[in-house]
Amino acid sequence: MQKRPMDDAVSRCGRLESEMGISLDNEYEADGGQSIINRLTYTREDQRQGRPAPAGLSIPPGANIYNAVASLRSAARKYFEFCGADT
């Protein structure tokens, strides 16, 4: 992974931990991160229905919630993949 995308992913992971009050390390140890990935599910149908972002996430007004949540979920997945690289 290139430096800029890596820095972005690290920043998003920090945001997840801060906003959701979690530790990605603890989430990984508990279930490989699956429960937090499940919490970060926001579908196109959710978007069409105008549903709010998953609990704990602060999405700026006017931002595309679907894209914002997908970006955070992707960063979490990359982190969990990184955690699994040691095993």
PDB file of N, CA and C in Angstrom:
ATOM      1  N   MET A   1       0.850  -1.172   0.000  1.00  0.00           N
ATOM      2  CA  MET A   1       0.000   0.000   0.000  1.00  0.00           C
ATOM      3  C   MET A   1       0.895   1.234   0.000  1.00  0.00           C
ATOM      4  N   GLN A   2       0.518   2.215  -0.797  1.00  0.00           N
ATOM      5  CA  GLN A   2       1.262   3.465  -0.865  1.00  0.00           C
ATOM      6  C   GLN A   2       1.060   4.285   0.416  1.00  0.00           C
ATOM      7  N   LYS A   3       1.968   5.225   0.661  1.00  0.00           N
ATOM      8  CA  LYS A   3       1.944   5.994   1.903  1.00  0.00           C
ATOM      9  C   LYS A   3       0.641   6.789   2.084  1.00  0.00           C
ATOM     10  N   ARG A   4       0.194   7.502   1.075  1.00  0.00           N
ATOM     11  CA  ARG A   4      -1.005   8.344   1.230  1.00  0.00           C
ATOM     12  C   ARG A   4      -2.247   7.514   1.574  1.00  0.00           C
ATOM     13  N   PRO A   5      -2.549   6.441   0.808  1.00  0.00           N
ATOM     14  CA  PRO A   5      -3.716   5.628   1.185  1.00  0.00           C
ATOM     15  C   PRO A   5      -3.561   4.988   2.568  1.00  0.00           C
ATOM     16  N   MET A   6      -2.320   4.632   2.923  1.00  0.00           N
ATOM     17  CA  MET A   6      -2.091   4.047   4.246  1.00  0.00           C
ATOM     18  C   MET A   6      -2.369   5.079   5.336  1.00  0.00           C
ATOM     19  N   ASP A   7      -1.881   6.302   5.135  1.00  0.00           N
ATOM     20  CA  ASP A   7      -2.135   7.366   6.116  1.00  0.00           C
ATOM     21  C   ASP A   7      -3.629   7.646   6.244  1.00  0.00           C
ATOM     22  N   ASP A   8      -4.334   7.646   5.116  1.00  0.00           N
ATOM     23  CA  ASP A   8      -5.783   7.860   5.143  1.00  0.00           C
ATOM     24  C   ASP A   8      -6.491   6.755   5.927  1.00  0.00           C
ATOM     25  N   ALA A   9      -6.087   5.508   5.699  1.00  0.00           N
ATOM     26  CA  ALA A   9      -6.707   4.376   6.398  1.00  0.00           C
ATOM     27  C   ALA A   9      -6.439   4.453   7.898  1.00  0.00           C
ATOM     28  N   VAL A  10      -5.220   4.804   8.265  1.00  0.00           N
ATOM     29  CA  VAL A  10      -4.878   4.933   9.691  1.00  0.00           C
ATOM     30  C   VAL A  10      -5.720   6.029  10.333  1.00  0.00           C
ATOM     31  N   SER A  11      -5.878   7.138   9.624  1.00  0.00           N
ATOM     32  CA  SER A  11      -6.695   8.240  10.138  1.00  0.00           C
ATOM     33  C   SER A  11      -8.148   7.799  10.320  1.00  0.00           C
ATOM     34  N   ARG A  12      -8.688   7.077   9.357  1.00  0.00           N
ATOM     35  CA  ARG A  12     -10.071   6.603   9.457  1.00  0.00           C
ATOM     36  C   ARG A  12     -10.229   5.605  10.605  1.00  0.00           C
ATOM     37  N   CYS A  13      -9.229   4.767  10.817  1.00  0.00           N
ATOM     38  CA  CYS A  13      -9.295   3.825  11.937  1.00  0.00           C
ATOM     39  C   CYS A  13      -9.311   4.572  13.265  1.00  0.00           C
ATOM     40  N   GLY A  14      -8.490   5.600  13.375  1.00  0.00           N
ATOM     41  CA  GLY A  14      -8.496   6.420  14.588  1.00  0.00           C
ATOM     42  C   GLY A  14      -9.842   7.087  14.802  1.00  0.00           C
ATOM     43  N   ARG A  15     -10.441   7.543  13.710  1.00  0.00           N
ATOM     44  CA  ARG A  15     -11.767   8.157  13.793  1.00  0.00           C
ATOM     45  C   ARG A  15     -12.800   7.147  14.285  1.00  0.00           C
ATOM     46  N   LEU A  16     -12.750   5.930  13.742  1.00  0.00           N
ATOM     47  CA  LEU A  16     -13.681   4.881  14.187  1.00  0.00           C
ATOM     48  C   LEU A  16     -13.547   4.633  15.683  1.00  0.00           C
ATOM     49  N   GLU A  17     -12.318   4.485  16.136  1.00  0.00           N
ATOM     50  CA  GLU A  17     -12.100   4.214  17.554  1.00  0.00           C
ATOM     51  C   GLU A  17     -12.624   5.357  18.416  1.00  0.00           C
ATOM     52  N   SER A  18     -12.344   6.566  18.002  1.00  0.00           N
ATOM     53  CA  SER A  18     -12.758   7.739  18.766  1.00  0.00           C
ATOM     54  C   SER A  18     -14.277   7.905  18.786  1.00  0.00           C
ATOM     55  N   GLU A  19     -14.890   7.877  17.619  1.00  0.00           N
ATOM     56  CA  GLU A  19     -16.326   8.148  17.528  1.00  0.00           C
ATOM     57  C   GLU A  19     -17.178   7.006  18.083  1.00  0.00           C
ATOM     58  N   MET A  20     -16.724   5.778  17.885  1.00  0.00           N
ATOM     59  CA  MET A  20     -17.540   4.645  18.317  1.00  0.00           C
ATOM     60  C   MET A  20     -17.142   4.135  19.703  1.00  0.00           C
ATOM     61  N   GLY A  21     -16.081   4.704  20.260  1.00  0.00           N
ATOM     62  CA  GLY A  21     -15.648   4.295  21.596  1.00  0.00           C
ATOM     63  C   GLY A  21     -15.194   2.843  21.648  1.00  0.00           C
ATOM     64  N   ILE A  22     -14.450   2.441  20.640  1.00  0.00           N
ATOM     65  CA  ILE A  22     -13.987   1.053  20.559  1.00  0.00           C
ATOM     66  C   ILE A  22     -12.475   1.014  20.413  1.00  0.00           C
ATOM     67  N   SER A  23     -11.930  -0.163  20.531  1.00  0.00           N
ATOM     68  CA  SER A  23     -10.535  -0.436  20.211  1.00  0.00           C
ATOM     69  C   SER A  23     -10.543  -1.465  19.090  1.00  0.00           C
ATOM     70  N   LEU A  24      -9.967  -1.113  17.948  1.00  0.00           N
ATOM     71  CA  LEU A  24      -9.940  -2.076  16.844  1.00  0.00           C
ATOM     72  C   LEU A  24      -9.128  -3.314  17.216  1.00  0.00           C
ATOM     73  N   ASP A  25      -8.117  -3.152  18.068  1.00  0.00           N
ATOM     74  CA  ASP A  25      -7.363  -4.318  18.535  1.00  0.00           C
ATOM     75  C   ASP A  25      -8.271  -5.266  19.315  1.00  0.00           C
ATOM     76  N   ASN A  26      -9.092  -4.706  20.213  1.00  0.00           N
ATOM     77  CA  ASN A  26     -10.020  -5.541  20.979  1.00  0.00           C
ATOM     78  C   ASN A  26     -11.060  -6.182  20.077  1.00  0.00           C
ATOM     79  N   GLU A  27     -11.532  -5.427  19.099  1.00  0.00           N
ATOM     80  CA  GLU A  27     -12.509  -5.980  18.150  1.00  0.00           C
ATOM     81  C   GLU A  27     -11.898  -7.141  17.366  1.00  0.00           C
ATOM     82  N   TYR A  28     -10.645  -6.992  16.982  1.00  0.00           N
ATOM     83  CA  TYR A  28      -9.970  -8.069  16.251  1.00  0.00           C
ATOM     84  C   TYR A  28      -9.809  -9.303  17.134  1.00  0.00           C
ATOM     85  N   GLU A  29      -9.396  -9.080  18.370  1.00  0.00           N
ATOM     86  CA  GLU A  29      -9.212 -10.205  19.296  1.00  0.00           C
ATOM     87  C   GLU A  29     -10.526 -10.917  19.586  1.00  0.00           C
ATOM     88  N   ALA A  30     -11.619 -10.165  19.659  1.00  0.00           N
ATOM     89  CA  ALA A  30     -12.920 -10.748  20.001  1.00  0.00           C
ATOM     90  C   ALA A  30     -13.460 -11.658  18.899  1.00  0.00           C
ATOM     91  N   ASP A  31     -13.428 -11.176  17.653  1.00  0.00           N
ATOM     92  CA  ASP A  31     -14.048 -11.976  16.581  1.00  0.00           C
ATOM     93  C   ASP A  31     -13.457 -11.682  15.203  1.00  0.00           C
ATOM     94  N   GLY A  32     -12.204 -11.270  15.200  1.00  0.00           N
ATOM     95  CA  GLY A  32     -11.571 -10.954  13.926  1.00  0.00           C
ATOM     96  C   GLY A  32     -12.090  -9.662  13.319  1.00  0.00           C
ATOM     97  N   GLY A  33     -12.846  -8.894  14.103  1.00  0.00           N
ATOM     98  CA  GLY A  33     -13.386  -7.619  13.642  1.00  0.00           C
ATOM     99  C   GLY A  33     -14.749  -7.718  12.984  1.00  0.00           C
ATOM    100  N   GLN A  34     -15.299  -8.919  12.926  1.00  0.00           N
ATOM    101  CA  GLN A  34     -16.561  -9.104  12.200  1.00  0.00           C
ATOM    102  C   GLN A  34     -17.719  -8.288  12.777  1.00  0.00           C
ATOM    103  N   SER A  35     -17.794  -8.169  14.095  1.00  0.00           N
ATOM    104  CA  SER A  35     -18.929  -7.439  14.684  1.00  0.00           C
ATOM    105  C   SER A  35     -18.893  -5.952  14.315  1.00  0.00           C
ATOM    106  N   ILE A  36     -17.698  -5.358  14.272  1.00  0.00           N
ATOM    107  CA  ILE A  36     -17.629  -3.942  13.906  1.00  0.00           C
ATOM    108  C   ILE A  36     -17.881  -3.772  12.414  1.00  0.00           C
ATOM    109  N   ILE A  37     -17.431  -4.706  11.604  1.00  0.00           N
ATOM    110  CA  ILE A  37     -17.728  -4.654  10.166  1.00  0.00           C
ATOM    111  C   ILE A  37     -19.241  -4.723   9.967  1.00  0.00           C
ATOM    112  N   ASN A  38     -19.900  -5.592  10.716  1.00  0.00           N
ATOM    113  CA  ASN A  38     -21.363  -5.686  10.624  1.00  0.00           C
ATOM    114  C   ASN A  38     -22.038  -4.385  11.039  1.00  0.00           C
ATOM    115  N   ARG A  39     -21.500  -3.716  12.059  1.00  0.00           N
ATOM    116  CA  ARG A  39     -22.072  -2.436  12.501  1.00  0.00           C
ATOM    117  C   ARG A  39     -21.860  -1.342  11.458  1.00  0.00           C
ATOM    118  N   LEU A  40     -20.874  -1.524  10.606  1.00  0.00           N
ATOM    119  CA  LEU A  40     -20.559  -0.526   9.585  1.00  0.00           C
ATOM    120  C   LEU A  40     -21.224  -0.853   8.247  1.00  0.00           C
ATOM    121  N   THR A  41     -22.352  -1.492   8.321  1.00  0.00           N
ATOM    122  CA  THR A  41     -23.108  -1.800   7.107  1.00  0.00           C
ATOM    123  C   THR A  41     -24.136  -0.701   6.870  1.00  0.00           C
ATOM    124  N   TYR A  42     -24.088  -0.137   5.678  1.00  0.00           N
ATOM    125  CA  TYR A  42     -25.033   0.898   5.265  1.00  0.00           C
ATOM    126  C   TYR A  42     -25.224   0.693   3.773  1.00  0.00           C
ATOM    127  N   THR A  43     -26.418   0.303   3.383  1.00  0.00           N
ATOM    128  CA  THR A  43     -26.683  -0.081   1.994  1.00  0.00           C
ATOM    129  C   THR A  43     -27.225   1.074   1.167  1.00  0.00           C
ATOM    130  N   ARG A  44     -27.278   0.842  -0.130  1.00  0.00           N
ATOM    131  CA  ARG A  44     -27.901   1.832  -1.028  1.00  0.00           C
ATOM    132  C   ARG A  44     -29.378   2.005  -0.661  1.00  0.00           C
ATOM    133  N   GLU A  45     -30.011   0.916  -0.226  1.00  0.00           N
ATOM    134  CA  GLU A  45     -31.412   1.012   0.204  1.00  0.00           C
ATOM    135  C   GLU A  45     -31.527   1.900   1.444  1.00  0.00           C
ATOM    136  N   ASP A  46     -30.596   1.764   2.385  1.00  0.00           N
ATOM    137  CA  ASP A  46     -30.568   2.655   3.551  1.00  0.00           C
ATOM    138  C   ASP A  46     -30.480   4.110   3.092  1.00  0.00           C
ATOM    139  N   GLN A  47     -29.638   4.341   2.102  1.00  0.00           N
ATOM    140  CA  GLN A  47     -29.467   5.687   1.564  1.00  0.00           C
ATOM    141  C   GLN A  47     -30.764   6.195   0.929  1.00  0.00           C
ATOM    142  N   ARG A  48     -31.394   5.353   0.112  1.00  0.00           N
ATOM    143  CA  ARG A  48     -32.655   5.751  -0.538  1.00  0.00           C
ATOM    144  C   ARG A  48     -33.746   6.062   0.485  1.00  0.00           C
ATOM    145  N   GLN A  49     -33.758   5.303   1.571  1.00  0.00           N
ATOM    146  CA  GLN A  49     -34.769   5.492   2.608  1.00  0.00           C
ATOM    147  C   GLN A  49     -34.432   6.653   3.554  1.00  0.00           C
ATOM    148  N   GLY A  50     -33.253   7.248   3.383  1.00  0.00           N
ATOM    149  CA  GLY A  50     -32.860   8.374   4.230  1.00  0.00           C
ATOM    150  C   GLY A  50     -32.522   7.972   5.653  1.00  0.00           C
ATOM    151  N   ARG A  51     -32.103   6.740   5.838  1.00  0.00           N
ATOM    152  CA  ARG A  51     -31.767   6.264   7.186  1.00  0.00           C
ATOM    153  C   ARG A  51     -30.485   6.938   7.672  1.00  0.00           C
ATOM    154  N   PRO A  52     -30.362   7.109   8.977  1.00  0.00           N
ATOM    155  CA  PRO A  52     -29.159   7.748   9.517  1.00  0.00           C
ATOM    156  C   PRO A  52     -27.955   6.804   9.444  1.00  0.00           C
ATOM    157  N   ALA A  53     -26.794   7.389   9.626  1.00  0.00           N
ATOM    158  CA  ALA A  53     -25.557   6.609   9.671  1.00  0.00           C
ATOM    159  C   ALA A  53     -25.606   5.663  10.870  1.00  0.00           C
ATOM    160  N   PRO A  54     -24.805   4.592  10.833  1.00  0.00           N
ATOM    161  CA  PRO A  54     -24.751   3.697  11.990  1.00  0.00           C
ATOM    162  C   PRO A  54     -24.449   4.471  13.275  1.00  0.00           C
ATOM    163  N   ALA A  55     -25.015   3.991  14.368  1.00  0.00           N
ATOM    164  CA  ALA A  55     -24.864   4.653  15.667  1.00  0.00           C
ATOM    165  C   ALA A  55     -23.399   4.882  15.998  1.00  0.00           C
ATOM    166  N   GLY A  56     -23.124   6.060  16.475  1.00  0.00           N
ATOM    167  CA  GLY A  56     -21.781   6.393  16.910  1.00  0.00           C
ATOM    168  C   GLY A  56     -20.963   7.142  15.875  1.00  0.00           C
ATOM    169  N   LEU A  57     -21.401   7.129  14.623  1.00  0.00           N
ATOM    170  CA  LEU A  57     -20.641   7.818  13.583  1.00  0.00           C
ATOM    171  C   LEU A  57     -21.164   9.229  13.379  1.00  0.00           C
ATOM    172  N   SER A  58     -20.244  10.139  13.250  1.00  0.00           N
ATOM    173  CA  SER A  58     -20.593  11.532  13.001  1.00  0.00           C
ATOM    174  C   SER A  58     -20.258  11.846  11.546  1.00  0.00           C
ATOM    175  N   ILE A  59     -21.282  11.919  10.723  1.00  0.00           N
ATOM    176  CA  ILE A  59     -21.112  12.229   9.305  1.00  0.00           C
ATOM    177  C   ILE A  59     -21.531  13.684   9.106  1.00  0.00           C
ATOM    178  N   PRO A  60     -20.673  14.499   8.497  1.00  0.00           N
ATOM    179  CA  PRO A  60     -21.016  15.918   8.318  1.00  0.00           C
ATOM    180  C   PRO A  60     -22.302  16.100   7.509  1.00  0.00           C
ATOM    181  N   PRO A  61     -23.079  17.116   7.837  1.00  0.00           N
ATOM    182  CA  PRO A  61     -24.298  17.395   7.070  1.00  0.00           C
ATOM    183  C   PRO A  61     -23.973  17.554   5.584  1.00  0.00           C
ATOM    184  N   GLY A  62     -24.804  16.968   4.756  1.00  0.00           N
ATOM    185  CA  GLY A  62     -24.628  17.064   3.318  1.00  0.00           C
ATOM    186  C   GLY A  62     -23.678  16.038   2.730  1.00  0.00           C
ATOM    187  N   ALA A  63     -22.949  15.312   3.592  1.00  0.00           N
ATOM    188  CA  ALA A  63     -22.023  14.292   3.102  1.00  0.00           C
ATOM    189  C   ALA A  63     -22.806  13.063   2.645  1.00  0.00           C
ATOM    190  N   ASN A  64     -22.236  12.312   1.745  1.00  0.00           N
ATOM    191  CA  ASN A  64     -22.838  11.074   1.274  1.00  0.00           C
ATOM    192  C   ASN A  64     -22.574   9.993   2.321  1.00  0.00           C
ATOM    193  N   ILE A  65     -23.601   9.627   3.073  1.00  0.00           N
ATOM    194  CA  ILE A  65     -23.443   8.672   4.171  1.00  0.00           C
ATOM    195  C   ILE A  65     -22.952   7.323   3.647  1.00  0.00           C
ATOM    196  N   TYR A  66     -23.512   6.878   2.534  1.00  0.00           N
ATOM    197  CA  TYR A  66     -23.110   5.578   1.976  1.00  0.00           C
ATOM    198  C   TYR A  66     -21.595   5.544   1.722  1.00  0.00           C
ATOM    199  N   ASN A  67     -21.074   6.553   1.045  1.00  0.00           N
ATOM    200  CA  ASN A  67     -19.643   6.596   0.740  1.00  0.00           C
ATOM    201  C   ASN A  67     -18.794   6.750   1.994  1.00  0.00           C
ATOM    202  N   ALA A  68     -19.255   7.566   2.935  1.00  0.00           N
ATOM    203  CA  ALA A  68     -18.498   7.778   4.169  1.00  0.00           C
ATOM    204  C   ALA A  68     -18.385   6.489   4.973  1.00  0.00           C
ATOM    205  N   VAL A  69     -19.490   5.775   5.111  1.00  0.00           N
ATOM    206  CA  VAL A  69     -19.474   4.519   5.873  1.00  0.00           C
ATOM    207  C   VAL A  69     -18.643   3.465   5.133  1.00  0.00           C
ATOM    208  N   ALA A  70     -18.767   3.408   3.819  1.00  0.00           N
ATOM    209  CA  ALA A  70     -17.979   2.447   3.036  1.00  0.00           C
ATOM    210  C   ALA A  70     -16.487   2.709   3.210  1.00  0.00           C
ATOM    211  N   SER A  71     -16.101   3.959   3.258  1.00  0.00           N
ATOM    212  CA  SER A  71     -14.705   4.324   3.443  1.00  0.00           C
ATOM    213  C   SER A  71     -14.193   3.882   4.816  1.00  0.00           C
ATOM    214  N   LEU A  72     -14.989   4.094   5.840  1.00  0.00           N
ATOM    215  CA  LEU A  72     -14.609   3.670   7.190  1.00  0.00           C
ATOM    216  C   LEU A  72     -14.551   2.152   7.295  1.00  0.00           C
ATOM    217  N   ARG A  73     -15.522   1.470   6.688  1.00  0.00           N
ATOM    218  CA  ARG A  73     -15.545   0.008   6.703  1.00  0.00           C
ATOM    219  C   ARG A  73     -14.307  -0.548   5.984  1.00  0.00           C
ATOM    220  N   SER A  74     -13.953   0.045   4.868  1.00  0.00           N
ATOM    221  CA  SER A  74     -12.777  -0.390   4.120  1.00  0.00           C
ATOM    222  C   SER A  74     -11.505  -0.231   4.950  1.00  0.00           C
ATOM    223  N   ALA A  75     -11.387   0.881   5.650  1.00  0.00           N
ATOM    224  CA  ALA A  75     -10.213   1.104   6.501  1.00  0.00           C
ATOM    225  C   ALA A  75     -10.148   0.058   7.612  1.00  0.00           C
ATOM    226  N   ALA A  76     -11.294  -0.239   8.216  1.00  0.00           N
ATOM    227  CA  ALA A  76     -11.324  -1.255   9.279  1.00  0.00           C
ATOM    228  C   ALA A  76     -10.929  -2.624   8.714  1.00  0.00           C
ATOM    229  N   ARG A  77     -11.442  -2.966   7.549  1.00  0.00           N
ATOM    230  CA  ARG A  77     -11.082  -4.250   6.932  1.00  0.00           C
ATOM    231  C   ARG A  77      -9.580  -4.342   6.675  1.00  0.00           C
ATOM    232  N   LYS A  78      -9.009  -3.260   6.163  1.00  0.00           N
ATOM    233  CA  LYS A  78      -7.564  -3.245   5.911  1.00  0.00           C
ATOM    234  C   LYS A  78      -6.789  -3.428   7.204  1.00  0.00           C
ATOM    235  N   TYR A  79      -7.260  -2.789   8.274  1.00  0.00           N
ATOM    236  CA  TYR A  79      -6.592  -2.943   9.563  1.00  0.00           C
ATOM    237  C   TYR A  79      -6.663  -4.385  10.035  1.00  0.00           C
ATOM    238  N   PHE A  80      -7.839  -4.998   9.907  1.00  0.00           N
ATOM    239  CA  PHE A  80      -7.984  -6.385  10.343  1.00  0.00           C
ATOM    240  C   PHE A  80      -7.150  -7.321   9.484  1.00  0.00           C
ATOM    241  N   GLU A  81      -7.031  -7.034   8.204  1.00  0.00           N
ATOM    242  CA  GLU A  81      -6.152  -7.819   7.339  1.00  0.00           C
ATOM    243  C   GLU A  81      -4.703  -7.685   7.812  1.00  0.00           C
ATOM    244  N   PHE A  82      -4.316  -6.468   8.168  1.00  0.00           N
ATOM    245  CA  PHE A  82      -2.979  -6.229   8.683  1.00  0.00           C
ATOM    246  C   PHE A  82      -2.751  -7.028   9.965  1.00  0.00           C
ATOM    247  N   CYS A  83      -3.742  -7.028  10.848  1.00  0.00           N
ATOM    248  CA  CYS A  83      -3.619  -7.785  12.101  1.00  0.00           C
ATOM    249  C   CYS A  83      -3.415  -9.271  11.814  1.00  0.00           C
ATOM    250  N   GLY A  84      -4.099  -9.792  10.823  1.00  0.00           N
ATOM    251  CA  GLY A  84      -3.992 -11.203  10.474  1.00  0.00           C
ATOM    252  C   GLY A  84      -2.706 -11.554   9.761  1.00  0.00           C
ATOM    253  N   ALA A  85      -1.987 -10.561   9.253  1.00  0.00           N
ATOM    254  CA  ALA A  85      -0.745 -10.817   8.531  1.00  0.00           C
ATOM    255  C   ALA A  85       0.341 -11.333   9.450  1.00  0.00           C
ATOM    256  N   ASP A  86       0.199 -11.072  10.755  1.00  0.00           N
ATOM    257  CA  ASP A  86       1.209 -11.530  11.719  1.00  0.00           C
ATOM    258  C   ASP A  86       1.073 -13.001  12.056  1.00  0.00           C
ATOM    259  N   THR A  87      -0.081 -13.587  11.748  1.00  0.00           N
ATOM    260  CA  THR A  87      -0.309 -14.977  12.162  1.00  0.00           C
ATOM    261  C   THR A  87       0.091 -15.951  11.100  1.00  0.00           C
TER     262      THR A  87
END
